[in-house]
Amino acid sequence: MLGEVFDPKAETHIFEHCRPHWSQAGAVVFVTFRTEDSIPQKVTELWDRQKTVWLERRGYDGSQHWQKNLPLVSEKDRADFLKEFNRCREDFLDTCHGECVLRRPELGNIVARSLLHFDEDRYRMGDFVVMPNHVHLLAVFRSPELLKTQCDSWLHFTAVQINQVLKRKGKFWQQEPFDHLVRSAEQYEYLRNYIVQNPAKACLQPREYYYRRFKG
């Protein structure tokens, strides 16, 4: 494996903004980040309503936004909730909404080179795929704090480079990536397969994405 699976007994760093981000030194993390225009606001608003209703049907306070209820739910309900709505997000991303400028090889390569630039130095990079409007990757960080720091660095550097090529300014990425600590060897293999199958699921041609396989 690229690294270790999540150990619930080991020290874990939790950073909370719009959602909690868990990181652990040496543990494999699955990260997704997407372009700003990849999911329209009306879709995210619909998902917000659906999430609140989902929790209300399971006995949680429907008058509160789902983000306030989520820390209170049982472990099983949390796992079911994340599985349901992570699937909605991933399926929608694969329909390739927005400009999808990363379909252009010279722009997708900017992201790929950035992901590999500090490989085996600041982190250990595993499998990844650069899709037309999002990126999936598996990585291991030497310290828990490096996850946020490095994601911020990737997003900032690549946004500047891509905007220069496009001769524009402004926000390129949706600023808060989704991340998930890998819980088992079986889940690790599932995510590797998910990454490699992502382009075919989106019906992409070879030059419309960048895929990298970790060979350990």
N, C-alpha and C. Protein backbone atom coordinates (compact mmCIF):
# COMPACT_ATOMS: atom_id res chain seq x y z
N MET A 1 0.83 -1.20 0.00
CA MET A 1 0.00 0.00 0.00
C MET A 1 0.86 1.25 0.00
N LEU A 2 0.24 2.33 -0.40
CA LEU A 2 0.90 3.63 -0.41
C LEU A 2 1.33 4.06 0.99
N GLY A 3 0.46 3.79 1.99
CA GLY A 3 0.73 4.14 3.38
C GLY A 3 -0.09 3.24 4.29
N GLU A 4 -0.42 3.74 5.47
CA GLU A 4 -1.21 2.97 6.42
C GLU A 4 -2.69 3.33 6.31
N VAL A 5 -3.55 2.45 6.83
CA VAL A 5 -4.97 2.79 6.92
C VAL A 5 -5.19 3.60 8.20
N PHE A 6 -6.30 4.29 8.27
CA PHE A 6 -6.64 5.12 9.43
C PHE A 6 -6.68 4.27 10.70
N ASP A 7 -6.02 4.78 11.74
CA ASP A 7 -6.02 4.12 13.04
C ASP A 7 -6.82 4.98 14.02
N PRO A 8 -8.02 4.53 14.41
CA PRO A 8 -8.85 5.35 15.31
C PRO A 8 -8.22 5.60 16.68
N LYS A 9 -7.20 4.81 17.05
CA LYS A 9 -6.54 4.99 18.35
C LYS A 9 -5.35 5.93 18.28
N ALA A 10 -4.92 6.26 17.08
CA ALA A 10 -3.75 7.13 16.92
C ALA A 10 -4.17 8.60 16.90
N GLU A 11 -3.20 9.49 17.06
CA GLU A 11 -3.48 10.92 17.07
C GLU A 11 -4.05 11.35 15.72
N THR A 12 -5.13 12.09 15.77
CA THR A 12 -5.80 12.56 14.56
C THR A 12 -6.01 14.06 14.65
N HIS A 13 -5.70 14.73 13.57
CA HIS A 13 -5.90 16.19 13.50
C HIS A 13 -7.22 16.45 12.79
N ILE A 14 -8.09 17.28 13.40
CA ILE A 14 -9.38 17.61 12.80
C ILE A 14 -9.46 19.12 12.61
N PHE A 15 -9.56 19.52 11.36
CA PHE A 15 -9.73 20.93 11.03
C PHE A 15 -11.14 21.12 10.50
N GLU A 16 -11.89 22.07 11.05
CA GLU A 16 -13.26 22.30 10.63
C GLU A 16 -13.43 23.67 10.01
N HIS A 17 -14.05 23.68 8.83
CA HIS A 17 -14.45 24.93 8.20
C HIS A 17 -15.91 24.74 7.81
N CYS A 18 -16.19 24.54 6.51
CA CYS A 18 -17.55 24.20 6.11
C CYS A 18 -17.87 22.75 6.44
N ARG A 19 -16.83 21.93 6.55
CA ARG A 19 -17.00 20.53 6.90
C ARG A 19 -15.74 20.08 7.66
N PRO A 20 -15.81 19.01 8.44
CA PRO A 20 -14.62 18.55 9.15
C PRO A 20 -13.63 17.87 8.21
N HIS A 21 -12.34 18.09 8.44
CA HIS A 21 -11.28 17.46 7.66
C HIS A 21 -10.39 16.70 8.64
N TRP A 22 -10.33 15.39 8.47
CA TRP A 22 -9.54 14.54 9.35
C TRP A 22 -8.23 14.18 8.66
N SER A 23 -7.13 14.27 9.38
CA SER A 23 -5.84 13.86 8.83
C SER A 23 -5.03 13.17 9.91
N GLN A 24 -4.17 12.27 9.46
CA GLN A 24 -3.35 11.47 10.38
C GLN A 24 -2.02 11.17 9.69
N ALA A 25 -0.94 11.39 10.40
CA ALA A 25 0.39 11.16 9.83
C ALA A 25 0.52 9.72 9.35
N GLY A 26 0.94 9.54 8.10
CA GLY A 26 1.18 8.21 7.56
C GLY A 26 -0.02 7.50 7.01
N ALA A 27 -1.24 8.04 7.22
CA ALA A 27 -2.45 7.39 6.75
C ALA A 27 -2.80 7.87 5.34
N VAL A 28 -3.30 6.96 4.52
CA VAL A 28 -3.70 7.30 3.15
C VAL A 28 -4.98 8.12 3.18
N VAL A 29 -4.99 9.21 2.42
CA VAL A 29 -6.18 10.05 2.34
C VAL A 29 -6.60 10.18 0.88
N PHE A 30 -7.90 10.12 0.65
CA PHE A 30 -8.49 10.30 -0.67
C PHE A 30 -9.01 11.73 -0.73
N VAL A 31 -8.53 12.49 -1.72
CA VAL A 31 -8.87 13.91 -1.82
C VAL A 31 -9.52 14.19 -3.17
N THR A 32 -10.56 15.00 -3.16
CA THR A 32 -11.20 15.46 -4.38
C THR A 32 -11.27 16.98 -4.35
N PHE A 33 -10.78 17.64 -5.39
CA PHE A 33 -11.07 19.05 -5.52
C PHE A 33 -11.59 19.33 -6.92
N ARG A 34 -12.42 20.38 -7.03
CA ARG A 34 -13.17 20.62 -8.25
C ARG A 34 -13.12 22.09 -8.64
N THR A 35 -13.37 22.34 -9.91
CA THR A 35 -13.39 23.72 -10.39
C THR A 35 -14.62 24.45 -9.86
N GLU A 36 -14.51 25.75 -9.80
CA GLU A 36 -15.56 26.58 -9.22
C GLU A 36 -16.90 26.39 -9.92
N ASP A 37 -16.88 26.16 -11.23
CA ASP A 37 -18.13 26.08 -11.99
C ASP A 37 -18.61 24.65 -12.22
N SER A 38 -18.02 23.67 -11.53
CA SER A 38 -18.33 22.27 -11.81
C SER A 38 -19.70 21.83 -11.29
N ILE A 39 -20.19 22.48 -10.24
CA ILE A 39 -21.51 22.16 -9.68
C ILE A 39 -22.29 23.47 -9.53
N PRO A 40 -23.35 23.69 -10.29
CA PRO A 40 -24.11 24.94 -10.18
C PRO A 40 -24.68 25.15 -8.78
N GLN A 41 -24.85 26.40 -8.41
CA GLN A 41 -25.35 26.72 -7.08
C GLN A 41 -26.71 26.12 -6.81
N LYS A 42 -27.56 26.07 -7.83
CA LYS A 42 -28.91 25.51 -7.62
C LYS A 42 -28.85 24.03 -7.25
N VAL A 43 -27.81 23.33 -7.72
CA VAL A 43 -27.66 21.92 -7.38
C VAL A 43 -27.19 21.77 -5.94
N THR A 44 -26.22 22.58 -5.52
CA THR A 44 -25.75 22.50 -4.13
C THR A 44 -26.86 22.90 -3.16
N GLU A 45 -27.70 23.85 -3.55
CA GLU A 45 -28.83 24.25 -2.70
C GLU A 45 -29.83 23.11 -2.58
N LEU A 46 -30.07 22.39 -3.67
CA LEU A 46 -30.97 21.23 -3.64
C LEU A 46 -30.41 20.17 -2.71
N TRP A 47 -29.11 19.90 -2.82
CA TRP A 47 -28.49 18.90 -1.95
C TRP A 47 -28.58 19.31 -0.48
N ASP A 48 -28.43 20.60 -0.20
CA ASP A 48 -28.56 21.07 1.18
C ASP A 48 -29.94 20.74 1.73
N ARG A 49 -30.97 20.98 0.93
CA ARG A 49 -32.33 20.67 1.39
C ARG A 49 -32.51 19.16 1.57
N GLN A 50 -31.98 18.38 0.65
CA GLN A 50 -32.11 16.93 0.74
C GLN A 50 -31.37 16.37 1.96
N LYS A 51 -30.24 16.95 2.28
CA LYS A 51 -29.48 16.50 3.45
C LYS A 51 -30.25 16.77 4.74
N THR A 52 -30.85 17.95 4.82
CA THR A 52 -31.64 18.29 6.01
C THR A 52 -32.82 17.35 6.16
N VAL A 53 -33.52 17.06 5.05
CA VAL A 53 -34.67 16.15 5.07
C VAL A 53 -34.21 14.74 5.44
N TRP A 54 -33.08 14.31 4.88
CA TRP A 54 -32.55 12.97 5.18
C TRP A 54 -32.35 12.78 6.67
N LEU A 55 -31.76 13.77 7.32
CA LEU A 55 -31.51 13.69 8.76
C LEU A 55 -32.81 13.81 9.56
N GLU A 56 -33.73 14.66 9.08
CA GLU A 56 -35.02 14.82 9.78
C GLU A 56 -35.79 13.51 9.80
N ARG A 57 -35.74 12.76 8.72
CA ARG A 57 -36.45 11.48 8.65
C ARG A 57 -35.87 10.46 9.61
N ARG A 58 -34.68 10.71 10.10
CA ARG A 58 -34.04 9.80 11.05
C ARG A 58 -34.08 10.35 12.47
N GLY A 59 -34.95 11.34 12.67
CA GLY A 59 -35.21 11.82 14.02
C GLY A 59 -34.43 13.03 14.47
N TYR A 60 -33.66 13.63 13.56
CA TYR A 60 -32.88 14.81 13.94
C TYR A 60 -33.68 16.08 13.65
N ASP A 61 -33.29 17.17 14.26
CA ASP A 61 -34.02 18.44 14.20
C ASP A 61 -34.05 19.00 12.78
N GLY A 62 -35.22 18.97 12.16
CA GLY A 62 -35.36 19.46 10.80
C GLY A 62 -35.36 20.96 10.67
N SER A 63 -35.46 21.67 11.78
CA SER A 63 -35.44 23.13 11.72
C SER A 63 -34.02 23.67 11.61
N GLN A 64 -33.03 22.80 11.83
CA GLN A 64 -31.63 23.20 11.76
C GLN A 64 -31.01 22.80 10.42
N HIS A 65 -30.01 23.56 9.98
CA HIS A 65 -29.27 23.19 8.80
C HIS A 65 -28.54 21.87 9.08
N TRP A 66 -28.38 21.05 8.05
CA TRP A 66 -27.79 19.72 8.24
C TRP A 66 -26.41 19.77 8.85
N GLN A 67 -25.64 20.84 8.61
CA GLN A 67 -24.28 20.91 9.15
C GLN A 67 -24.29 20.98 10.68
N LYS A 68 -25.34 21.53 11.26
CA LYS A 68 -25.43 21.58 12.72
C LYS A 68 -25.84 20.24 13.30
N ASN A 69 -26.57 19.45 12.53
CA ASN A 69 -27.00 18.14 13.01
C ASN A 69 -25.93 17.06 12.84
N LEU A 70 -25.12 17.18 11.84
CA LEU A 70 -24.21 16.09 11.51
C LEU A 70 -23.28 15.69 12.66
N PRO A 71 -22.73 16.63 13.44
CA PRO A 71 -21.87 16.19 14.56
C PRO A 71 -22.62 15.40 15.63
N LEU A 72 -23.96 15.44 15.60
CA LEU A 72 -24.75 14.77 16.64
C LEU A 72 -25.21 13.38 16.24
N VAL A 73 -25.02 12.99 14.99
CA VAL A 73 -25.60 11.74 14.52
C VAL A 73 -24.76 10.56 14.95
N SER A 74 -25.38 9.38 14.92
CA SER A 74 -24.67 8.15 15.27
C SER A 74 -23.62 7.83 14.21
N GLU A 75 -22.70 6.96 14.57
CA GLU A 75 -21.64 6.58 13.64
C GLU A 75 -22.21 5.96 12.38
N LYS A 76 -23.23 5.10 12.54
CA LYS A 76 -23.84 4.45 11.38
C LYS A 76 -24.54 5.46 10.49
N ASP A 77 -25.32 6.36 11.11
CA ASP A 77 -26.04 7.36 10.32
C ASP A 77 -25.06 8.27 9.59
N ARG A 78 -23.97 8.61 10.24
CA ARG A 78 -22.97 9.47 9.58
C ARG A 78 -22.39 8.75 8.36
N ALA A 79 -22.05 7.47 8.53
CA ALA A 79 -21.48 6.70 7.42
C ALA A 79 -22.47 6.60 6.26
N ASP A 80 -23.75 6.35 6.58
CA ASP A 80 -24.78 6.25 5.54
C ASP A 80 -24.99 7.59 4.85
N PHE A 81 -24.99 8.65 5.63
CA PHE A 81 -25.17 10.01 5.10
C PHE A 81 -24.04 10.35 4.12
N LEU A 82 -22.81 10.13 4.55
CA LEU A 82 -21.67 10.46 3.69
C LEU A 82 -21.65 9.60 2.43
N LYS A 83 -21.98 8.33 2.56
CA LYS A 83 -22.01 7.45 1.39
C LYS A 83 -23.04 7.93 0.38
N GLU A 84 -24.22 8.31 0.87
CA GLU A 84 -25.30 8.76 -0.01
C GLU A 84 -24.95 10.04 -0.77
N PHE A 85 -24.48 11.04 -0.03
CA PHE A 85 -24.29 12.35 -0.67
C PHE A 85 -22.91 12.49 -1.32
N ASN A 86 -21.94 11.72 -0.89
CA ASN A 86 -20.68 11.68 -1.64
C ASN A 86 -20.91 11.06 -3.02
N ARG A 87 -21.77 10.04 -3.07
CA ARG A 87 -22.09 9.42 -4.35
C ARG A 87 -22.79 10.42 -5.27
N CYS A 88 -23.71 11.20 -4.72
CA CYS A 88 -24.40 12.23 -5.52
C CYS A 88 -23.39 13.20 -6.12
N ARG A 89 -22.44 13.65 -5.30
CA ARG A 89 -21.45 14.61 -5.77
C ARG A 89 -20.57 14.01 -6.85
N GLU A 90 -20.05 12.80 -6.62
CA GLU A 90 -19.15 12.18 -7.58
C GLU A 90 -19.86 11.89 -8.90
N ASP A 91 -21.09 11.42 -8.82
CA ASP A 91 -21.84 11.13 -10.05
C ASP A 91 -22.08 12.41 -10.84
N PHE A 92 -22.38 13.50 -10.16
CA PHE A 92 -22.63 14.75 -10.86
C PHE A 92 -21.35 15.27 -11.50
N LEU A 93 -20.23 15.18 -10.80
CA LEU A 93 -18.97 15.65 -11.36
C LEU A 93 -18.63 14.91 -12.65
N ASP A 94 -18.97 13.65 -12.71
CA ASP A 94 -18.64 12.86 -13.89
C ASP A 94 -19.49 13.22 -15.10
N THR A 95 -20.52 14.05 -14.92
CA THR A 95 -21.29 14.54 -16.07
C THR A 95 -20.62 15.74 -16.72
N CYS A 96 -19.51 16.21 -16.11
CA CYS A 96 -18.64 17.25 -16.70
C CYS A 96 -19.39 18.55 -17.00
N HIS A 97 -19.92 19.18 -15.96
CA HIS A 97 -20.54 20.50 -16.09
C HIS A 97 -19.46 21.58 -16.04
N GLY A 98 -19.83 22.76 -16.46
CA GLY A 98 -18.91 23.89 -16.44
C GLY A 98 -18.07 23.94 -17.71
N GLU A 99 -17.08 24.82 -17.72
CA GLU A 99 -16.22 24.97 -18.90
C GLU A 99 -15.35 23.74 -19.15
N CYS A 100 -14.99 23.04 -18.10
CA CYS A 100 -14.16 21.83 -18.21
C CYS A 100 -12.84 22.13 -18.92
N VAL A 101 -12.17 23.21 -18.52
CA VAL A 101 -10.94 23.61 -19.21
C VAL A 101 -9.79 22.63 -18.97
N LEU A 102 -9.86 21.82 -17.91
CA LEU A 102 -8.79 20.85 -17.67
C LEU A 102 -8.80 19.72 -18.70
N ARG A 103 -9.80 19.73 -19.57
CA ARG A 103 -9.82 18.81 -20.70
C ARG A 103 -8.66 19.10 -21.66
N ARG A 104 -8.21 20.36 -21.65
CA ARG A 104 -7.09 20.75 -22.50
C ARG A 104 -5.79 20.19 -21.91
N PRO A 105 -5.01 19.41 -22.67
CA PRO A 105 -3.82 18.76 -22.11
C PRO A 105 -2.84 19.71 -21.44
N GLU A 106 -2.64 20.90 -22.00
CA GLU A 106 -1.65 21.80 -21.41
C GLU A 106 -2.10 22.31 -20.04
N LEU A 107 -3.42 22.35 -19.79
CA LEU A 107 -3.92 22.79 -18.48
C LEU A 107 -3.98 21.62 -17.50
N GLY A 108 -4.40 20.47 -17.97
CA GLY A 108 -4.38 19.29 -17.11
C GLY A 108 -2.97 18.95 -16.65
N ASN A 109 -1.99 19.17 -17.54
CA ASN A 109 -0.60 18.88 -17.19
C ASN A 109 -0.07 19.83 -16.12
N ILE A 110 -0.57 21.06 -16.08
CA ILE A 110 -0.17 21.99 -15.01
C ILE A 110 -0.53 21.39 -13.65
N VAL A 111 -1.73 20.84 -13.55
CA VAL A 111 -2.18 20.23 -12.29
C VAL A 111 -1.34 18.98 -11.99
N ALA A 112 -1.15 18.13 -12.98
CA ALA A 112 -0.39 16.89 -12.77
C ALA A 112 1.04 17.18 -12.31
N ARG A 113 1.68 18.14 -12.94
CA ARG A 113 3.06 18.47 -12.55
C ARG A 113 3.12 19.02 -11.14
N SER A 114 2.11 19.81 -10.78
CA SER A 114 2.06 20.36 -9.42
C SER A 114 1.91 19.25 -8.38
N LEU A 115 1.06 18.27 -8.66
CA LEU A 115 0.84 17.16 -7.72
C LEU A 115 2.11 16.34 -7.52
N LEU A 116 2.92 16.24 -8.55
CA LEU A 116 4.13 15.41 -8.47
C LEU A 116 5.37 16.19 -8.03
N HIS A 117 5.28 17.51 -7.97
CA HIS A 117 6.47 18.33 -7.76
C HIS A 117 7.19 18.02 -6.44
N PHE A 118 6.44 17.87 -5.36
CA PHE A 118 7.06 17.58 -4.05
C PHE A 118 6.82 16.15 -3.60
N ASP A 119 6.54 15.26 -4.58
CA ASP A 119 6.36 13.84 -4.25
C ASP A 119 7.63 13.29 -3.64
N GLU A 120 7.48 12.51 -2.56
CA GLU A 120 8.58 11.92 -1.79
C GLU A 120 9.37 12.95 -1.00
N ASP A 121 8.85 14.18 -0.93
CA ASP A 121 9.47 15.22 -0.11
C ASP A 121 8.46 15.67 0.95
N ARG A 122 7.46 16.42 0.55
CA ARG A 122 6.43 16.87 1.50
C ARG A 122 5.35 15.82 1.72
N TYR A 123 5.21 14.90 0.77
CA TYR A 123 4.15 13.90 0.82
C TYR A 123 4.55 12.74 -0.09
N ARG A 124 3.74 11.69 -0.05
CA ARG A 124 3.91 10.58 -0.97
C ARG A 124 2.65 10.50 -1.83
N MET A 125 2.80 10.72 -3.12
CA MET A 125 1.65 10.76 -4.02
C MET A 125 1.34 9.39 -4.58
N GLY A 126 0.09 8.99 -4.51
CA GLY A 126 -0.36 7.72 -5.07
C GLY A 126 -1.04 7.91 -6.40
N ASP A 127 -2.07 7.13 -6.66
CA ASP A 127 -2.84 7.25 -7.90
C ASP A 127 -3.55 8.60 -7.93
N PHE A 128 -3.65 9.17 -9.12
CA PHE A 128 -4.51 10.35 -9.26
C PHE A 128 -5.00 10.47 -10.69
N VAL A 129 -6.08 11.21 -10.86
CA VAL A 129 -6.61 11.50 -12.18
C VAL A 129 -7.04 12.96 -12.22
N VAL A 130 -6.64 13.65 -13.28
CA VAL A 130 -7.08 15.02 -13.52
C VAL A 130 -8.18 14.95 -14.57
N MET A 131 -9.41 15.19 -14.14
CA MET A 131 -10.57 15.15 -15.02
C MET A 131 -10.84 16.57 -15.56
N PRO A 132 -11.78 16.74 -16.51
CA PRO A 132 -12.03 18.06 -17.08
C PRO A 132 -12.42 19.13 -16.07
N ASN A 133 -13.08 18.74 -14.96
CA ASN A 133 -13.51 19.75 -13.98
C ASN A 133 -13.24 19.35 -12.53
N HIS A 134 -12.47 18.29 -12.31
CA HIS A 134 -12.14 17.91 -10.94
C HIS A 134 -10.92 17.00 -10.92
N VAL A 135 -10.43 16.74 -9.72
CA VAL A 135 -9.24 15.91 -9.51
C VAL A 135 -9.51 14.94 -8.36
N HIS A 136 -9.12 13.70 -8.53
CA HIS A 136 -9.12 12.71 -7.45
C HIS A 136 -7.68 12.27 -7.21
N LEU A 137 -7.31 12.11 -5.95
CA LEU A 137 -5.96 11.63 -5.66
C LEU A 137 -5.92 10.86 -4.35
N LEU A 138 -4.93 9.99 -4.25
CA LEU A 138 -4.59 9.29 -3.01
C LEU A 138 -3.20 9.74 -2.61
N ALA A 139 -3.02 10.11 -1.35
CA ALA A 139 -1.72 10.60 -0.90
C ALA A 139 -1.52 10.29 0.58
N VAL A 140 -0.26 10.39 1.01
CA VAL A 140 0.11 10.21 2.41
C VAL A 140 0.95 11.42 2.83
N PHE A 141 0.63 11.98 4.00
CA PHE A 141 1.37 13.14 4.51
C PHE A 141 2.11 12.76 5.78
N ARG A 142 3.30 13.34 5.94
CA ARG A 142 4.15 12.99 7.07
C ARG A 142 3.65 13.55 8.39
N SER A 143 2.90 14.65 8.31
CA SER A 143 2.30 15.21 9.52
C SER A 143 0.85 15.58 9.21
N PRO A 144 -0.04 15.55 10.19
CA PRO A 144 -1.45 15.83 9.93
C PRO A 144 -1.70 17.23 9.36
N GLU A 145 -0.91 18.21 9.81
CA GLU A 145 -1.13 19.60 9.39
C GLU A 145 -0.81 19.81 7.90
N LEU A 146 0.01 18.94 7.33
CA LEU A 146 0.43 19.12 5.94
C LEU A 146 -0.70 18.94 4.93
N LEU A 147 -1.75 18.20 5.30
CA LEU A 147 -2.86 17.99 4.38
C LEU A 147 -3.46 19.33 3.94
N LYS A 148 -3.86 20.15 4.90
CA LYS A 148 -4.47 21.44 4.55
C LYS A 148 -3.47 22.36 3.87
N THR A 149 -2.26 22.42 4.41
CA THR A 149 -1.25 23.31 3.85
C THR A 149 -0.96 22.98 2.40
N GLN A 150 -0.80 21.69 2.11
CA GLN A 150 -0.45 21.29 0.75
C GLN A 150 -1.62 21.44 -0.21
N CYS A 151 -2.83 21.13 0.24
CA CYS A 151 -4.00 21.33 -0.63
C CYS A 151 -4.14 22.81 -0.98
N ASP A 152 -3.98 23.68 0.00
CA ASP A 152 -4.03 25.13 -0.27
C ASP A 152 -2.97 25.52 -1.30
N SER A 153 -1.77 24.94 -1.16
CA SER A 153 -0.68 25.25 -2.08
C SER A 153 -0.99 24.78 -3.49
N TRP A 154 -1.47 23.56 -3.64
CA TRP A 154 -1.84 23.06 -4.96
C TRP A 154 -2.89 23.94 -5.63
N LEU A 155 -3.92 24.29 -4.86
CA LEU A 155 -5.01 25.07 -5.44
C LEU A 155 -4.55 26.46 -5.85
N HIS A 156 -3.76 27.09 -4.99
CA HIS A 156 -3.30 28.46 -5.30
C HIS A 156 -2.36 28.45 -6.50
N PHE A 157 -1.35 27.60 -6.47
CA PHE A 157 -0.35 27.60 -7.54
C PHE A 157 -0.99 27.28 -8.89
N THR A 158 -1.80 26.22 -8.95
CA THR A 158 -2.38 25.83 -10.23
C THR A 158 -3.39 26.85 -10.73
N ALA A 159 -4.13 27.49 -9.83
CA ALA A 159 -5.09 28.51 -10.25
C ALA A 159 -4.37 29.68 -10.92
N VAL A 160 -3.26 30.11 -10.33
CA VAL A 160 -2.49 31.22 -10.91
C VAL A 160 -1.96 30.83 -12.29
N GLN A 161 -1.39 29.63 -12.40
CA GLN A 161 -0.82 29.18 -13.67
C GLN A 161 -1.89 29.03 -14.76
N ILE A 162 -3.00 28.44 -14.40
CA ILE A 162 -4.07 28.22 -15.37
C ILE A 162 -4.70 29.54 -15.80
N ASN A 163 -4.93 30.44 -14.86
CA ASN A 163 -5.49 31.74 -15.21
C ASN A 163 -4.56 32.52 -16.13
N GLN A 164 -3.26 32.37 -15.94
CA GLN A 164 -2.32 33.04 -16.84
C GLN A 164 -2.46 32.53 -18.26
N VAL A 165 -2.60 31.21 -18.42
CA VAL A 165 -2.77 30.65 -19.76
C VAL A 165 -4.09 31.11 -20.37
N LEU A 166 -5.14 31.17 -19.56
CA LEU A 166 -6.46 31.56 -20.04
C LEU A 166 -6.62 33.07 -20.16
N LYS A 167 -5.59 33.82 -19.68
CA LYS A 167 -5.62 35.28 -19.71
C LYS A 167 -6.84 35.84 -18.99
N ARG A 168 -7.02 35.34 -17.77
CA ARG A 168 -8.14 35.80 -16.95
C ARG A 168 -7.71 35.86 -15.50
N LYS A 169 -8.56 36.44 -14.67
CA LYS A 169 -8.34 36.50 -13.23
C LYS A 169 -9.57 35.94 -12.53
N GLY A 170 -9.44 35.75 -11.21
CA GLY A 170 -10.59 35.31 -10.45
C GLY A 170 -10.45 33.89 -9.94
N LYS A 171 -11.48 33.45 -9.27
CA LYS A 171 -11.48 32.15 -8.61
C LYS A 171 -11.55 31.02 -9.64
N PHE A 172 -10.68 30.05 -9.49
CA PHE A 172 -10.70 28.90 -10.41
C PHE A 172 -11.24 27.64 -9.74
N TRP A 173 -10.76 27.36 -8.52
CA TRP A 173 -11.18 26.16 -7.78
C TRP A 173 -12.25 26.49 -6.75
N GLN A 174 -13.11 25.54 -6.47
CA GLN A 174 -13.93 25.58 -5.26
C GLN A 174 -12.96 25.31 -4.12
N GLN A 175 -12.91 26.19 -3.13
CA GLN A 175 -11.74 26.27 -2.24
C GLN A 175 -11.63 25.21 -1.15
N GLU A 176 -12.68 24.48 -0.87
CA GLU A 176 -12.57 23.49 0.20
C GLU A 176 -12.67 22.07 -0.36
N PRO A 177 -11.54 21.38 -0.49
CA PRO A 177 -11.57 20.01 -1.05
C PRO A 177 -12.35 19.06 -0.13
N PHE A 178 -12.75 17.95 -0.70
CA PHE A 178 -13.32 16.85 0.08
C PHE A 178 -12.20 15.85 0.34
N ASP A 179 -12.13 15.36 1.56
CA ASP A 179 -11.08 14.39 1.88
C ASP A 179 -11.64 13.30 2.79
N HIS A 180 -11.04 12.13 2.68
CA HIS A 180 -11.51 10.97 3.44
C HIS A 180 -10.33 10.07 3.76
N LEU A 181 -10.12 9.78 5.04
CA LEU A 181 -9.06 8.86 5.45
C LEU A 181 -9.47 7.43 5.12
N VAL A 182 -8.58 6.71 4.46
CA VAL A 182 -8.87 5.34 4.03
C VAL A 182 -8.90 4.41 5.23
N ARG A 183 -9.99 3.64 5.37
CA ARG A 183 -10.23 2.83 6.57
C ARG A 183 -9.76 1.39 6.46
N SER A 184 -9.49 0.88 5.26
CA SER A 184 -9.11 -0.52 5.13
C SER A 184 -8.38 -0.74 3.81
N ALA A 185 -7.69 -1.88 3.71
CA ALA A 185 -7.00 -2.22 2.47
C ALA A 185 -8.01 -2.40 1.34
N GLU A 186 -9.19 -2.94 1.68
CA GLU A 186 -10.23 -3.13 0.67
C GLU A 186 -10.73 -1.79 0.13
N GLN A 187 -10.89 -0.82 1.02
CA GLN A 187 -11.32 0.50 0.58
C GLN A 187 -10.25 1.17 -0.27
N TYR A 188 -9.00 0.96 0.07
CA TYR A 188 -7.90 1.51 -0.71
C TYR A 188 -7.95 0.98 -2.14
N GLU A 189 -8.14 -0.33 -2.31
CA GLU A 189 -8.22 -0.90 -3.65
C GLU A 189 -9.46 -0.41 -4.38
N TYR A 190 -10.56 -0.26 -3.65
CA TYR A 190 -11.79 0.27 -4.27
C TYR A 190 -11.54 1.67 -4.83
N LEU A 191 -10.85 2.53 -4.07
CA LEU A 191 -10.60 3.89 -4.51
C LEU A 191 -9.60 3.93 -5.67
N ARG A 192 -8.63 3.05 -5.67
CA ARG A 192 -7.72 2.97 -6.82
C ARG A 192 -8.48 2.61 -8.09
N ASN A 193 -9.40 1.67 -7.96
CA ASN A 193 -10.21 1.28 -9.11
C ASN A 193 -11.15 2.41 -9.52
N TYR A 194 -11.68 3.11 -8.53
CA TYR A 194 -12.57 4.24 -8.83
C TYR A 194 -11.82 5.30 -9.64
N ILE A 195 -10.59 5.59 -9.25
CA ILE A 195 -9.80 6.61 -9.94
C ILE A 195 -9.52 6.19 -11.39
N VAL A 196 -9.08 4.96 -11.59
CA VAL A 196 -8.72 4.53 -12.94
C VAL A 196 -9.94 4.42 -13.84
N GLN A 197 -11.11 4.14 -13.26
CA GLN A 197 -12.32 3.99 -14.07
C GLN A 197 -13.05 5.31 -14.31
N ASN A 198 -12.63 6.36 -13.62
CA ASN A 198 -13.33 7.64 -13.71
C ASN A 198 -13.43 8.18 -15.15
N PRO A 199 -12.34 8.19 -15.93
CA PRO A 199 -12.44 8.71 -17.29
C PRO A 199 -13.43 7.94 -18.17
N ALA A 200 -13.42 6.61 -18.07
CA ALA A 200 -14.35 5.81 -18.88
C ALA A 200 -15.80 6.08 -18.47
N LYS A 201 -16.01 6.26 -17.16
CA LYS A 201 -17.36 6.56 -16.67
C LYS A 201 -17.87 7.87 -17.25
N ALA A 202 -16.95 8.82 -17.46
CA ALA A 202 -17.32 10.13 -18.02
C ALA A 202 -17.21 10.16 -19.54
N CYS A 203 -16.92 9.01 -20.16
CA CYS A 203 -16.83 8.88 -21.62
C CYS A 203 -15.79 9.82 -22.23
N LEU A 204 -14.61 9.89 -21.60
CA LEU A 204 -13.55 10.77 -22.06
C LEU A 204 -12.61 10.06 -23.02
N GLN A 205 -12.03 10.84 -23.92
CA GLN A 205 -11.00 10.35 -24.81
C GLN A 205 -9.63 10.47 -24.11
N PRO A 206 -8.62 9.71 -24.56
CA PRO A 206 -7.33 9.69 -23.86
C PRO A 206 -6.70 11.05 -23.61
N ARG A 207 -6.80 12.00 -24.51
CA ARG A 207 -6.16 13.31 -24.33
C ARG A 207 -7.00 14.26 -23.48
N GLU A 208 -8.15 13.81 -22.99
CA GLU A 208 -9.03 14.69 -22.23
C GLU A 208 -8.87 14.55 -20.72
N TYR A 209 -7.91 13.77 -20.28
CA TYR A 209 -7.65 13.59 -18.85
C TYR A 209 -6.19 13.21 -18.67
N TYR A 210 -5.73 13.22 -17.41
CA TYR A 210 -4.37 12.80 -17.07
C TYR A 210 -4.49 11.79 -15.94
N TYR A 211 -4.00 10.58 -16.16
CA TYR A 211 -4.06 9.52 -15.14
C TYR A 211 -2.65 9.09 -14.77
N ARG A 212 -2.44 8.92 -13.48
CA ARG A 212 -1.14 8.44 -12.98
C ARG A 212 -1.38 7.27 -12.04
N ARG A 213 -0.72 6.14 -12.30
CA ARG A 213 -0.82 4.95 -11.47
C ARG A 213 0.38 4.84 -10.56
N PHE A 214 0.15 4.70 -9.27
CA PHE A 214 1.23 4.52 -8.31
C PHE A 214 1.78 3.10 -8.42
N LYS A 215 3.09 2.98 -8.52
CA LYS A 215 3.70 1.66 -8.71
C LYS A 215 4.57 1.22 -7.55
N GLY A 216 4.60 2.03 -6.49
CA GLY A 216 5.27 1.64 -5.27
C GLY A 216 6.68 1.17 -5.40
